[in-house]
N, C-alpha and C. Protein backbone atom coordinates (compact mmCIF):
# COMPACT_ATOMS: atom_id res chain seq x y z
N MET A 1 -75.31 -83.62 16.62
CA MET A 1 -74.45 -84.66 16.08
C MET A 1 -74.02 -84.26 14.69
N PRO A 2 -72.74 -84.21 14.48
CA PRO A 2 -72.27 -83.76 13.16
C PRO A 2 -72.63 -84.74 12.08
N GLN A 3 -73.00 -84.19 10.94
CA GLN A 3 -73.39 -85.04 9.80
C GLN A 3 -72.17 -85.36 8.94
N ASP A 4 -72.23 -86.55 8.40
CA ASP A 4 -71.14 -86.99 7.52
C ASP A 4 -71.41 -86.50 6.10
N ASN A 5 -70.68 -85.47 5.67
CA ASN A 5 -70.87 -84.89 4.32
C ASN A 5 -69.81 -85.34 3.35
N SER A 6 -69.05 -86.36 3.74
CA SER A 6 -67.95 -86.80 2.86
C SER A 6 -68.48 -87.30 1.53
N GLY A 7 -69.64 -87.98 1.54
CA GLY A 7 -70.22 -88.51 0.30
C GLY A 7 -70.61 -87.40 -0.63
N HIS A 8 -71.24 -86.34 -0.07
CA HIS A 8 -71.66 -85.21 -0.89
C HIS A 8 -70.47 -84.45 -1.44
N GLU A 9 -69.40 -84.32 -0.58
CA GLU A 9 -68.20 -83.63 -1.06
C GLU A 9 -67.56 -84.37 -2.21
N ALA A 10 -67.55 -85.71 -2.13
CA ALA A 10 -66.97 -86.51 -3.21
C ALA A 10 -67.75 -86.32 -4.48
N ASP A 11 -69.11 -86.31 -4.32
CA ASP A 11 -69.94 -86.12 -5.51
C ASP A 11 -69.69 -84.76 -6.12
N ALA A 12 -69.49 -83.77 -5.28
CA ALA A 12 -69.26 -82.43 -5.80
C ALA A 12 -67.94 -82.35 -6.54
N ASP A 13 -66.92 -83.10 -6.00
CA ASP A 13 -65.63 -83.08 -6.67
C ASP A 13 -65.69 -83.73 -8.03
N GLU A 14 -66.60 -84.73 -8.22
CA GLU A 14 -66.68 -85.47 -9.47
C GLU A 14 -67.44 -84.69 -10.54
N LEU A 15 -68.23 -83.67 -10.17
CA LEU A 15 -69.01 -82.93 -11.15
C LEU A 15 -68.09 -82.05 -11.97
N PRO A 16 -68.25 -82.02 -13.30
CA PRO A 16 -67.41 -81.16 -14.14
C PRO A 16 -67.77 -79.70 -13.91
N ALA A 17 -66.75 -78.85 -14.03
CA ALA A 17 -66.97 -77.42 -13.77
C ALA A 17 -67.53 -76.76 -15.01
N THR A 18 -68.84 -76.95 -15.21
CA THR A 18 -69.49 -76.43 -16.42
C THR A 18 -70.52 -75.38 -16.09
N ASN A 19 -70.62 -75.00 -14.83
CA ASN A 19 -71.60 -74.00 -14.43
C ASN A 19 -73.00 -74.38 -14.87
N GLY A 20 -73.31 -75.66 -14.80
CA GLY A 20 -74.64 -76.10 -15.11
C GLY A 20 -74.87 -76.34 -16.60
N GLN A 21 -73.88 -76.09 -17.49
CA GLN A 21 -74.04 -76.30 -18.92
C GLN A 21 -73.59 -77.70 -19.29
N SER A 22 -74.09 -78.17 -20.44
CA SER A 22 -73.69 -79.50 -20.91
C SER A 22 -72.25 -79.44 -21.37
N GLU A 23 -71.62 -80.62 -21.54
CA GLU A 23 -70.23 -80.69 -21.94
C GLU A 23 -70.01 -80.07 -23.32
N SER A 24 -71.01 -80.21 -24.19
CA SER A 24 -70.85 -79.67 -25.54
C SER A 24 -70.79 -78.16 -25.54
N ALA A 25 -71.33 -77.53 -24.50
CA ALA A 25 -71.33 -76.08 -24.43
C ALA A 25 -70.34 -75.57 -23.41
N ALA A 26 -69.40 -76.45 -23.01
CA ALA A 26 -68.46 -76.09 -21.96
C ALA A 26 -67.60 -74.91 -22.38
N ASP A 27 -67.24 -74.82 -23.66
CA ASP A 27 -66.39 -73.72 -24.10
C ASP A 27 -67.02 -73.08 -25.33
N PRO A 28 -67.89 -72.11 -25.13
CA PRO A 28 -68.61 -71.52 -26.27
C PRO A 28 -67.67 -70.83 -27.25
N LEU A 29 -66.43 -70.53 -26.88
CA LEU A 29 -65.50 -69.86 -27.78
C LEU A 29 -64.60 -70.82 -28.52
N GLU A 30 -64.79 -72.14 -28.25
CA GLU A 30 -63.88 -73.13 -28.82
C GLU A 30 -63.92 -73.13 -30.34
N SER A 31 -65.15 -73.05 -30.92
CA SER A 31 -65.29 -73.11 -32.36
C SER A 31 -64.73 -71.88 -33.05
N SER A 32 -64.64 -70.77 -32.31
CA SER A 32 -64.14 -69.55 -32.92
C SER A 32 -62.71 -69.26 -32.49
N ASN A 33 -62.04 -70.25 -31.96
CA ASN A 33 -60.66 -70.11 -31.53
C ASN A 33 -59.76 -69.83 -32.72
N PRO A 34 -59.03 -68.72 -32.77
CA PRO A 34 -58.18 -68.39 -33.92
C PRO A 34 -57.15 -69.47 -34.19
N ALA A 35 -56.68 -70.13 -33.12
CA ALA A 35 -55.68 -71.17 -33.33
C ALA A 35 -56.23 -72.33 -34.13
N ARG A 36 -57.52 -72.64 -33.94
CA ARG A 36 -58.14 -73.73 -34.68
C ARG A 36 -58.44 -73.33 -36.12
N ARG A 37 -58.72 -72.04 -36.37
CA ARG A 37 -59.05 -71.61 -37.72
C ARG A 37 -57.82 -71.33 -38.56
N ARG A 38 -56.66 -71.22 -37.91
CA ARG A 38 -55.46 -70.81 -38.62
C ARG A 38 -55.10 -71.73 -39.78
N PRO A 39 -55.14 -73.08 -39.65
CA PRO A 39 -54.79 -73.93 -40.80
C PRO A 39 -55.69 -73.70 -42.00
N ARG A 40 -57.01 -73.53 -41.76
CA ARG A 40 -57.92 -73.30 -42.87
C ARG A 40 -57.64 -71.97 -43.54
N LEU A 41 -57.35 -70.94 -42.72
CA LEU A 41 -57.04 -69.64 -43.30
C LEU A 41 -55.75 -69.70 -44.09
N ARG A 42 -54.78 -70.46 -43.61
CA ARG A 42 -53.52 -70.59 -44.34
C ARG A 42 -53.74 -71.27 -45.68
N LEU A 43 -54.58 -72.31 -45.69
CA LEU A 43 -54.88 -73.01 -46.94
C LEU A 43 -55.52 -72.07 -47.95
N ARG A 44 -56.49 -71.28 -47.50
CA ARG A 44 -57.14 -70.32 -48.39
C ARG A 44 -56.13 -69.31 -48.93
N SER A 45 -55.23 -68.87 -48.05
CA SER A 45 -54.23 -67.89 -48.49
C SER A 45 -53.31 -68.48 -49.54
N VAL A 46 -52.92 -69.75 -49.33
CA VAL A 46 -52.04 -70.42 -50.30
C VAL A 46 -52.74 -70.56 -51.65
N LEU A 47 -54.00 -71.00 -51.63
CA LEU A 47 -54.74 -71.17 -52.88
C LEU A 47 -54.93 -69.84 -53.59
N LEU A 48 -55.29 -68.81 -52.83
CA LEU A 48 -55.47 -67.49 -53.43
C LEU A 48 -54.16 -66.98 -54.01
N GLY A 49 -53.07 -67.21 -53.29
CA GLY A 49 -51.77 -66.78 -53.79
C GLY A 49 -51.38 -67.50 -55.06
N ALA A 50 -51.73 -68.80 -55.16
CA ALA A 50 -51.41 -69.57 -56.36
C ALA A 50 -52.17 -69.04 -57.56
N VAL A 51 -53.46 -68.73 -57.34
CA VAL A 51 -54.27 -68.20 -58.45
C VAL A 51 -53.73 -66.85 -58.90
N ILE A 52 -53.46 -65.97 -57.94
CA ILE A 52 -52.94 -64.65 -58.29
C ILE A 52 -51.58 -64.77 -58.96
N GLY A 53 -50.75 -65.68 -58.45
CA GLY A 53 -49.43 -65.87 -59.04
C GLY A 53 -49.50 -66.38 -60.46
N SER A 54 -50.42 -67.33 -60.73
CA SER A 54 -50.57 -67.86 -62.09
C SER A 54 -51.03 -66.77 -63.04
N ALA A 55 -52.02 -65.99 -62.60
CA ALA A 55 -52.53 -64.91 -63.45
C ALA A 55 -51.44 -63.88 -63.71
N ALA A 56 -50.69 -63.53 -62.67
CA ALA A 56 -49.62 -62.55 -62.85
C ALA A 56 -48.54 -63.09 -63.77
N GLY A 57 -48.23 -64.39 -63.64
CA GLY A 57 -47.23 -64.98 -64.51
C GLY A 57 -47.67 -64.97 -65.96
N LEU A 58 -48.95 -65.28 -66.21
CA LEU A 58 -49.46 -65.28 -67.58
C LEU A 58 -49.43 -63.87 -68.16
N ILE A 59 -49.85 -62.89 -67.37
CA ILE A 59 -49.82 -61.50 -67.83
C ILE A 59 -48.39 -61.07 -68.11
N GLY A 60 -47.48 -61.48 -67.23
CA GLY A 60 -46.08 -61.13 -67.44
C GLY A 60 -45.51 -61.75 -68.70
N MET A 61 -45.88 -63.01 -68.98
CA MET A 61 -45.41 -63.68 -70.18
C MET A 61 -45.95 -62.99 -71.43
N ILE A 62 -47.24 -62.64 -71.41
CA ILE A 62 -47.83 -61.94 -72.55
C ILE A 62 -47.13 -60.60 -72.77
N SER A 63 -46.86 -59.89 -71.68
CA SER A 63 -46.18 -58.59 -71.80
C SER A 63 -44.79 -58.76 -72.39
N LEU A 64 -44.10 -59.82 -71.97
CA LEU A 64 -42.75 -60.07 -72.49
C LEU A 64 -42.80 -60.40 -73.97
N VAL A 65 -43.77 -61.23 -74.37
CA VAL A 65 -43.90 -61.59 -75.78
C VAL A 65 -44.20 -60.36 -76.62
N VAL A 66 -45.11 -59.52 -76.13
CA VAL A 66 -45.44 -58.29 -76.86
C VAL A 66 -44.21 -57.41 -77.00
N PHE A 67 -43.43 -57.31 -75.91
CA PHE A 67 -42.24 -56.46 -75.94
C PHE A 67 -41.22 -57.00 -76.94
N LEU A 68 -40.99 -58.30 -76.93
CA LEU A 68 -39.99 -58.89 -77.82
C LEU A 68 -40.41 -58.83 -79.28
N ASN A 69 -41.72 -58.80 -79.53
CA ASN A 69 -42.21 -58.81 -80.90
C ASN A 69 -42.70 -57.43 -81.36
N ARG A 70 -42.36 -56.40 -80.60
CA ARG A 70 -42.80 -55.06 -80.97
C ARG A 70 -42.21 -54.68 -82.32
N GLY A 71 -42.98 -53.97 -83.10
CA GLY A 71 -42.50 -53.53 -84.40
C GLY A 71 -42.53 -54.61 -85.46
N GLN A 72 -43.04 -55.79 -85.14
CA GLN A 72 -43.09 -56.87 -86.11
C GLN A 72 -44.52 -57.02 -86.64
N LEU A 73 -45.20 -58.10 -86.27
CA LEU A 73 -46.54 -58.34 -86.78
C LEU A 73 -47.60 -57.81 -85.81
N PRO A 74 -48.76 -57.40 -86.34
CA PRO A 74 -49.84 -56.95 -85.45
C PRO A 74 -50.39 -58.12 -84.62
N ILE A 75 -50.87 -57.80 -83.43
CA ILE A 75 -51.53 -58.80 -82.60
C ILE A 75 -52.86 -59.18 -83.27
N MET A 76 -53.11 -60.47 -83.40
CA MET A 76 -54.31 -60.93 -84.09
C MET A 76 -55.50 -61.01 -83.14
N ARG A 77 -56.63 -60.49 -83.57
CA ARG A 77 -57.88 -60.62 -82.83
C ARG A 77 -58.76 -61.64 -83.53
N PRO A 78 -59.67 -62.31 -82.80
CA PRO A 78 -60.52 -63.32 -83.43
C PRO A 78 -61.26 -62.81 -84.65
N GLY A 79 -61.73 -61.58 -84.61
CA GLY A 79 -62.47 -61.02 -85.73
C GLY A 79 -61.61 -60.82 -86.97
N ASP A 80 -60.30 -60.67 -86.78
CA ASP A 80 -59.40 -60.48 -87.92
C ASP A 80 -59.41 -61.70 -88.83
N LEU A 81 -59.40 -62.88 -88.24
CA LEU A 81 -59.37 -64.12 -89.02
C LEU A 81 -60.66 -64.28 -89.82
N LYS A 82 -61.79 -64.06 -89.19
CA LYS A 82 -63.07 -64.22 -89.89
C LYS A 82 -63.19 -63.24 -91.05
N ALA A 83 -62.76 -62.01 -90.83
CA ALA A 83 -62.84 -61.01 -91.89
C ALA A 83 -61.92 -61.37 -93.06
N ALA A 84 -60.72 -61.89 -92.74
CA ALA A 84 -59.78 -62.27 -93.80
C ALA A 84 -60.30 -63.46 -94.60
N GLU A 85 -60.89 -64.43 -93.93
CA GLU A 85 -61.45 -65.59 -94.63
C GLU A 85 -62.59 -65.16 -95.56
N GLN A 86 -63.38 -64.21 -95.10
CA GLN A 86 -64.47 -63.71 -95.93
C GLN A 86 -63.94 -63.01 -97.18
N ARG A 87 -62.90 -62.20 -97.02
CA ARG A 87 -62.30 -61.53 -98.17
C ARG A 87 -61.70 -62.53 -99.15
N TRP A 88 -61.10 -63.59 -98.62
CA TRP A 88 -60.51 -64.61 -99.50
C TRP A 88 -61.58 -65.34 -100.29
N ARG A 89 -62.69 -65.66 -99.63
CA ARG A 89 -63.78 -66.35 -100.34
C ARG A 89 -64.34 -65.48 -101.47
N LEU A 90 -64.35 -64.17 -101.26
CA LEU A 90 -64.93 -63.27 -102.26
C LEU A 90 -63.93 -62.86 -103.35
N HIS A 91 -62.66 -62.69 -102.97
CA HIS A 91 -61.70 -62.10 -103.90
C HIS A 91 -60.45 -62.94 -104.14
N GLY A 92 -60.31 -64.05 -103.43
CA GLY A 92 -59.10 -64.86 -103.60
C GLY A 92 -59.13 -65.64 -104.91
N PRO A 93 -57.99 -65.75 -105.62
CA PRO A 93 -57.95 -66.52 -106.87
C PRO A 93 -58.02 -68.02 -106.61
N ALA A 94 -58.63 -68.73 -107.54
CA ALA A 94 -58.73 -70.19 -107.41
C ALA A 94 -57.42 -70.87 -107.78
N SER A 95 -56.60 -70.20 -108.60
CA SER A 95 -55.31 -70.75 -109.02
C SER A 95 -54.21 -69.74 -108.71
N TYR A 96 -53.10 -70.23 -108.17
CA TYR A 96 -52.02 -69.32 -107.80
C TYR A 96 -50.72 -70.10 -107.55
N LYS A 97 -49.63 -69.35 -107.51
CA LYS A 97 -48.33 -69.86 -107.08
C LYS A 97 -47.84 -68.98 -105.94
N MET A 98 -47.23 -69.59 -104.95
CA MET A 98 -46.70 -68.76 -103.86
C MET A 98 -45.47 -69.40 -103.25
N ASP A 99 -44.61 -68.55 -102.74
CA ASP A 99 -43.39 -68.96 -102.04
C ASP A 99 -43.50 -68.51 -100.59
N LEU A 100 -43.15 -69.41 -99.67
CA LEU A 100 -43.23 -69.13 -98.25
C LEU A 100 -41.92 -69.45 -97.57
N GLU A 101 -41.68 -68.78 -96.46
CA GLU A 101 -40.60 -69.11 -95.55
C GLU A 101 -41.20 -69.63 -94.26
N GLY A 102 -40.95 -70.88 -93.94
CA GLY A 102 -41.49 -71.49 -92.72
C GLY A 102 -40.45 -71.47 -91.61
N THR A 103 -40.92 -71.23 -90.38
CA THR A 103 -39.99 -71.14 -89.24
C THR A 103 -40.45 -71.97 -88.05
N PHE A 104 -41.36 -72.91 -88.28
CA PHE A 104 -41.81 -73.69 -87.13
C PHE A 104 -41.55 -75.17 -87.37
N GLU A 105 -42.60 -76.01 -87.47
CA GLU A 105 -42.39 -77.44 -87.64
C GLU A 105 -41.69 -77.75 -88.97
N ILE A 106 -42.05 -77.00 -90.00
CA ILE A 106 -41.38 -77.14 -91.29
C ILE A 106 -40.61 -75.86 -91.53
N LYS A 107 -39.29 -75.96 -91.62
CA LYS A 107 -38.44 -74.79 -91.81
C LYS A 107 -37.85 -74.82 -93.21
N GLY A 108 -37.69 -73.64 -93.78
CA GLY A 108 -37.08 -73.56 -95.09
C GLY A 108 -37.95 -72.81 -96.07
N GLN A 109 -37.56 -72.88 -97.35
CA GLN A 109 -38.26 -72.20 -98.44
C GLN A 109 -39.25 -73.18 -99.08
N MET A 110 -40.51 -72.77 -99.13
CA MET A 110 -41.55 -73.63 -99.70
C MET A 110 -42.14 -72.98 -100.95
N HIS A 111 -42.43 -73.80 -101.93
CA HIS A 111 -43.10 -73.35 -103.15
C HIS A 111 -44.36 -74.19 -103.32
N VAL A 112 -45.50 -73.53 -103.51
CA VAL A 112 -46.79 -74.22 -103.61
C VAL A 112 -47.51 -73.74 -104.88
N GLU A 113 -48.06 -74.70 -105.61
CA GLU A 113 -48.83 -74.38 -106.81
C GLU A 113 -50.24 -74.95 -106.67
N VAL A 114 -51.23 -74.10 -106.96
CA VAL A 114 -52.63 -74.48 -106.79
C VAL A 114 -53.38 -74.19 -108.09
N ARG A 115 -54.21 -75.16 -108.50
CA ARG A 115 -55.05 -74.99 -109.69
C ARG A 115 -56.49 -75.31 -109.31
N ASN A 116 -57.35 -74.32 -109.51
CA ASN A 116 -58.78 -74.50 -109.20
C ASN A 116 -59.01 -75.02 -107.78
N GLY A 117 -58.24 -74.45 -106.85
CA GLY A 117 -58.41 -74.80 -105.44
C GLY A 117 -57.71 -76.05 -104.99
N GLU A 118 -57.05 -76.78 -105.90
CA GLU A 118 -56.37 -78.03 -105.55
C GLU A 118 -54.86 -77.84 -105.71
N VAL A 119 -54.12 -78.30 -104.70
CA VAL A 119 -52.66 -78.22 -104.77
C VAL A 119 -52.15 -79.25 -105.77
N THR A 120 -51.35 -78.79 -106.72
CA THR A 120 -50.82 -79.68 -107.76
C THR A 120 -49.34 -79.96 -107.58
N ALA A 121 -48.64 -79.13 -106.81
CA ALA A 121 -47.21 -79.36 -106.60
C ALA A 121 -46.75 -78.57 -105.38
N MET A 122 -45.73 -79.12 -104.70
CA MET A 122 -45.13 -78.42 -103.57
C MET A 122 -43.69 -78.89 -103.41
N SER A 123 -42.83 -77.97 -103.07
CA SER A 123 -41.43 -78.32 -102.84
C SER A 123 -40.93 -77.60 -101.59
N LEU A 124 -39.97 -78.21 -100.92
CA LEU A 124 -39.33 -77.64 -99.73
C LEU A 124 -37.84 -77.57 -100.01
N ASP A 125 -37.32 -76.35 -100.02
CA ASP A 125 -35.91 -76.13 -100.38
C ASP A 125 -35.58 -76.80 -101.71
N ARG A 126 -36.50 -76.61 -102.68
CA ARG A 126 -36.37 -77.09 -104.05
C ARG A 126 -36.39 -78.61 -104.18
N ARG A 127 -36.82 -79.29 -103.14
CA ARG A 127 -36.99 -80.74 -103.22
C ARG A 127 -38.48 -81.07 -103.10
N PRO A 128 -38.99 -82.00 -103.90
CA PRO A 128 -40.42 -82.33 -103.85
C PRO A 128 -40.86 -82.76 -102.45
N SER A 129 -42.00 -82.26 -102.05
CA SER A 129 -42.56 -82.63 -100.75
C SER A 129 -43.59 -83.73 -100.91
N PRO A 130 -43.77 -84.59 -99.89
CA PRO A 130 -44.78 -85.64 -99.98
C PRO A 130 -46.18 -85.05 -100.10
N PRO A 131 -47.04 -85.66 -100.89
CA PRO A 131 -48.40 -85.12 -101.10
C PRO A 131 -49.20 -84.90 -99.83
N ARG A 132 -48.89 -85.63 -98.76
CA ARG A 132 -49.66 -85.47 -97.52
C ARG A 132 -49.48 -84.08 -96.91
N LEU A 133 -48.44 -83.36 -97.32
CA LEU A 133 -48.20 -82.01 -96.80
C LEU A 133 -48.79 -80.92 -97.68
N TRP A 134 -49.22 -81.26 -98.87
CA TRP A 134 -49.61 -80.24 -99.84
C TRP A 134 -50.73 -79.33 -99.33
N ASN A 135 -51.83 -79.95 -98.92
CA ASN A 135 -53.00 -79.14 -98.51
C ASN A 135 -52.72 -78.29 -97.27
N LEU A 136 -51.77 -78.72 -96.44
CA LEU A 136 -51.46 -77.96 -95.24
C LEU A 136 -50.90 -76.58 -95.56
N TRP A 137 -50.26 -76.47 -96.73
CA TRP A 137 -49.59 -75.23 -97.07
C TRP A 137 -50.25 -74.49 -98.21
N SER A 138 -51.49 -74.85 -98.55
CA SER A 138 -52.30 -74.00 -99.42
C SER A 138 -52.85 -72.86 -98.58
N VAL A 139 -53.44 -71.87 -99.21
CA VAL A 139 -54.01 -70.76 -98.44
C VAL A 139 -55.10 -71.27 -97.49
N SER A 140 -55.92 -72.19 -97.96
CA SER A 140 -56.96 -72.76 -97.09
C SER A 140 -56.34 -73.47 -95.90
N GLY A 141 -55.23 -74.18 -96.13
CA GLY A 141 -54.54 -74.86 -95.03
C GLY A 141 -53.95 -73.88 -94.03
N LEU A 142 -53.46 -72.76 -94.51
CA LEU A 142 -52.92 -71.74 -93.61
C LEU A 142 -54.01 -71.15 -92.73
N PHE A 143 -55.17 -70.90 -93.33
CA PHE A 143 -56.31 -70.42 -92.52
C PHE A 143 -56.69 -71.45 -91.45
N ASP A 144 -56.70 -72.72 -91.83
CA ASP A 144 -57.04 -73.78 -90.86
C ASP A 144 -56.04 -73.81 -89.71
N PHE A 145 -54.78 -73.62 -90.03
CA PHE A 145 -53.73 -73.62 -89.01
C PHE A 145 -53.98 -72.51 -87.98
N ILE A 146 -54.28 -71.31 -88.48
CA ILE A 146 -54.54 -70.18 -87.58
C ILE A 146 -55.79 -70.43 -86.75
N GLU A 147 -56.82 -71.00 -87.37
CA GLU A 147 -58.08 -71.25 -86.65
C GLU A 147 -57.89 -72.30 -85.56
N THR A 148 -57.01 -73.29 -85.80
CA THR A 148 -56.73 -74.29 -84.77
C THR A 148 -56.15 -73.63 -83.52
N ASP A 149 -55.23 -72.71 -83.70
CA ASP A 149 -54.66 -72.00 -82.55
C ASP A 149 -55.71 -71.13 -81.87
N LEU A 150 -56.58 -70.52 -82.66
CA LEU A 150 -57.63 -69.67 -82.09
C LEU A 150 -58.58 -70.49 -81.22
N LYS A 151 -58.97 -71.67 -81.69
CA LYS A 151 -59.84 -72.54 -80.89
C LYS A 151 -59.13 -73.02 -79.63
N ARG A 152 -57.84 -73.23 -79.74
CA ARG A 152 -57.05 -73.64 -78.58
C ARG A 152 -57.09 -72.57 -77.50
N ASN A 153 -56.99 -71.32 -77.89
CA ASN A 153 -57.07 -70.22 -76.93
C ASN A 153 -58.46 -70.13 -76.30
N GLU A 154 -59.50 -70.37 -77.11
CA GLU A 154 -60.86 -70.33 -76.59
C GLU A 154 -61.08 -71.44 -75.56
N GLU A 155 -60.55 -72.61 -75.82
CA GLU A 155 -60.68 -73.71 -74.87
C GLU A 155 -59.90 -73.41 -73.59
N ALA A 156 -58.73 -72.80 -73.71
CA ALA A 156 -57.94 -72.46 -72.52
C ALA A 156 -58.66 -71.43 -71.66
N ALA A 157 -59.41 -70.53 -72.31
CA ALA A 157 -60.10 -69.47 -71.57
C ALA A 157 -61.38 -69.97 -70.91
N HIS A 158 -61.99 -71.03 -71.45
CA HIS A 158 -63.28 -71.48 -70.95
C HIS A 158 -63.26 -72.94 -70.51
N HIS A 159 -62.09 -73.48 -70.20
CA HIS A 159 -62.00 -74.90 -69.83
C HIS A 159 -62.72 -75.14 -68.50
N GLU A 160 -63.23 -76.34 -68.35
CA GLU A 160 -63.90 -76.75 -67.12
C GLU A 160 -63.32 -78.10 -66.69
N GLY A 161 -62.26 -78.01 -65.91
CA GLY A 161 -61.63 -79.23 -65.44
C GLY A 161 -60.77 -79.87 -66.51
N GLY A 162 -59.99 -80.88 -66.10
CA GLY A 162 -59.14 -81.57 -67.05
C GLY A 162 -57.92 -80.75 -67.41
N ALA A 163 -57.17 -81.26 -68.37
CA ALA A 163 -55.96 -80.59 -68.81
C ALA A 163 -56.31 -79.29 -69.54
N VAL A 164 -55.54 -78.26 -69.25
CA VAL A 164 -55.77 -76.96 -69.86
C VAL A 164 -54.90 -76.83 -71.11
N PRO A 165 -55.49 -76.57 -72.28
CA PRO A 165 -54.66 -76.38 -73.48
C PRO A 165 -53.72 -75.20 -73.30
N GLU A 166 -52.50 -75.33 -73.78
CA GLU A 166 -51.54 -74.26 -73.65
C GLU A 166 -51.92 -73.09 -74.55
N PRO A 167 -52.13 -71.90 -73.99
CA PRO A 167 -52.53 -70.76 -74.82
C PRO A 167 -51.42 -70.31 -75.75
N VAL A 168 -51.82 -69.70 -76.85
CA VAL A 168 -50.89 -69.26 -77.89
C VAL A 168 -51.09 -67.77 -78.14
N PHE A 169 -50.00 -67.03 -78.18
CA PHE A 169 -50.04 -65.62 -78.53
C PHE A 169 -49.95 -65.53 -80.05
N GLN A 170 -50.97 -64.92 -80.67
CA GLN A 170 -51.08 -64.91 -82.13
C GLN A 170 -50.82 -63.53 -82.71
N GLN A 171 -50.01 -63.51 -83.77
CA GLN A 171 -49.76 -62.29 -84.54
C GLN A 171 -49.94 -62.64 -86.01
N ALA A 172 -50.57 -61.76 -86.76
CA ALA A 172 -50.84 -62.06 -88.16
C ALA A 172 -50.94 -60.80 -88.99
N GLU A 173 -50.66 -60.98 -90.27
CA GLU A 173 -50.83 -59.90 -91.24
C GLU A 173 -51.63 -60.43 -92.41
N PHE A 174 -52.82 -59.86 -92.63
CA PHE A 174 -53.70 -60.30 -93.71
C PHE A 174 -53.75 -59.22 -94.80
N ASP A 175 -53.83 -59.68 -96.05
CA ASP A 175 -53.94 -58.73 -97.16
C ASP A 175 -55.26 -57.97 -97.04
N SER A 176 -55.17 -56.66 -97.23
CA SER A 176 -56.36 -55.82 -97.06
C SER A 176 -57.37 -56.01 -98.18
N ASP A 177 -56.94 -56.56 -99.32
CA ASP A 177 -57.86 -56.74 -100.46
C ASP A 177 -58.44 -58.15 -100.52
N ASN A 178 -57.59 -59.17 -100.54
CA ASN A 178 -58.11 -60.53 -100.70
C ASN A 178 -58.00 -61.39 -99.44
N GLY A 179 -57.50 -60.84 -98.34
CA GLY A 179 -57.44 -61.58 -97.09
C GLY A 179 -56.30 -62.56 -96.97
N LEU A 180 -55.40 -62.64 -97.95
CA LEU A 180 -54.29 -63.59 -97.91
C LEU A 180 -53.51 -63.48 -96.60
N PRO A 181 -53.30 -64.61 -95.89
CA PRO A 181 -52.51 -64.56 -94.64
C PRO A 181 -51.03 -64.45 -94.95
N ARG A 182 -50.57 -63.23 -95.19
CA ARG A 182 -49.21 -63.00 -95.65
C ARG A 182 -48.15 -63.40 -94.62
N ALA A 183 -48.48 -63.29 -93.37
CA ALA A 183 -47.52 -63.67 -92.32
C ALA A 183 -48.27 -64.08 -91.07
N TYR A 184 -47.70 -65.05 -90.36
CA TYR A 184 -48.32 -65.51 -89.11
C TYR A 184 -47.21 -65.93 -88.16
N GLN A 185 -47.35 -65.51 -86.91
CA GLN A 185 -46.39 -65.87 -85.87
C GLN A 185 -47.16 -66.34 -84.65
N ARG A 186 -46.81 -67.50 -84.15
CA ARG A 186 -47.45 -68.06 -82.96
C ARG A 186 -46.39 -68.28 -81.89
N THR A 187 -46.72 -67.93 -80.64
CA THR A 187 -45.79 -68.13 -79.53
C THR A 187 -46.53 -68.81 -78.39
N GLU A 188 -46.07 -69.97 -77.99
CA GLU A 188 -46.68 -70.69 -76.88
C GLU A 188 -46.28 -70.00 -75.58
N LEU A 189 -47.27 -69.61 -74.79
CA LEU A 189 -47.01 -68.77 -73.62
C LEU A 189 -46.34 -69.51 -72.47
N VAL A 190 -46.44 -70.81 -72.44
CA VAL A 190 -45.81 -71.57 -71.35
C VAL A 190 -44.37 -71.92 -71.69
N THR A 191 -44.15 -72.47 -72.87
CA THR A 191 -42.80 -72.90 -73.26
C THR A 191 -42.00 -71.80 -73.95
N GLY A 192 -42.71 -70.81 -74.51
CA GLY A 192 -42.02 -69.76 -75.25
C GLY A 192 -41.63 -70.16 -76.66
N GLN A 193 -42.02 -71.38 -77.08
CA GLN A 193 -41.67 -71.83 -78.43
C GLN A 193 -42.44 -71.01 -79.46
N SER A 194 -41.74 -70.59 -80.51
CA SER A 194 -42.34 -69.67 -81.47
C SER A 194 -42.02 -70.11 -82.88
N GLY A 195 -42.92 -69.76 -83.81
CA GLY A 195 -42.71 -70.08 -85.22
C GLY A 195 -43.89 -69.64 -86.06
N GLY A 196 -43.78 -69.85 -87.35
CA GLY A 196 -44.86 -69.44 -88.23
C GLY A 196 -44.40 -69.45 -89.68
N TRP A 197 -44.87 -68.47 -90.45
CA TRP A 197 -44.49 -68.38 -91.85
C TRP A 197 -44.63 -66.95 -92.34
N ARG A 198 -44.04 -66.71 -93.49
CA ARG A 198 -44.20 -65.44 -94.20
C ARG A 198 -44.24 -65.75 -95.69
N ILE A 199 -45.26 -65.24 -96.38
CA ILE A 199 -45.38 -65.40 -97.82
C ILE A 199 -44.53 -64.31 -98.47
N VAL A 200 -43.51 -64.74 -99.19
CA VAL A 200 -42.59 -63.77 -99.80
C VAL A 200 -42.94 -63.48 -101.26
N LYS A 201 -43.76 -64.34 -101.85
CA LYS A 201 -44.17 -64.13 -103.24
C LYS A 201 -45.50 -64.79 -103.48
N PHE A 202 -46.42 -64.08 -104.12
CA PHE A 202 -47.74 -64.64 -104.42
C PHE A 202 -48.17 -64.15 -105.80
N ASP A 203 -48.43 -65.10 -106.69
CA ASP A 203 -48.82 -64.77 -108.06
C ASP A 203 -50.11 -65.50 -108.46
N PRO A 204 -51.20 -64.78 -108.67
CA PRO A 204 -52.41 -65.42 -109.21
C PRO A 204 -52.12 -65.99 -110.61
N VAL A 205 -52.77 -67.11 -110.92
CA VAL A 205 -52.60 -67.75 -112.22
C VAL A 205 -53.94 -67.70 -112.96
N PRO A 206 -53.94 -67.17 -114.20
CA PRO A 206 -55.19 -67.07 -114.96
C PRO A 206 -55.81 -68.44 -115.20
């Protein structure tokens, strides 16, 4: 007598074709499917390209600045500022008169008079300047200005999250005897904005 196997056949049809493996192991190659990994690989490639592009852009900007400023002022190194400040402390006069040409935030011809380390008078294009500007354009103020840019570059190089300070390309000329910052040029590497000063006359006062 023939047996009715229709029930068993139905059960067999309902079983998933997993060769005895669980559903989670049905496709052992699924996790390594290149099509599934492609979006993540693309994201990594984009991020890597952005980093390389930013670095290349910064290097290119520095190279352009160096090229445009060739034959002008020497590139300033951090140690140059410290050495110049030390020479000024040892050999710089306490009283002096100096004339400067400014080319950045304050443009024009400046005259500064200092007695015993204190600014006593300042003029811009032969017109009296407000006292709040006096100390900024003494020799000590000029050193502070350069040091502010130097710290800005250090923060840009070692920042950890947050806004990145815009780096500045620094060029300077310091007197070999007393460290006087005879000329300074700063160029912002992102905007390209540039300016600084040059001391055209410096006279110690007894």
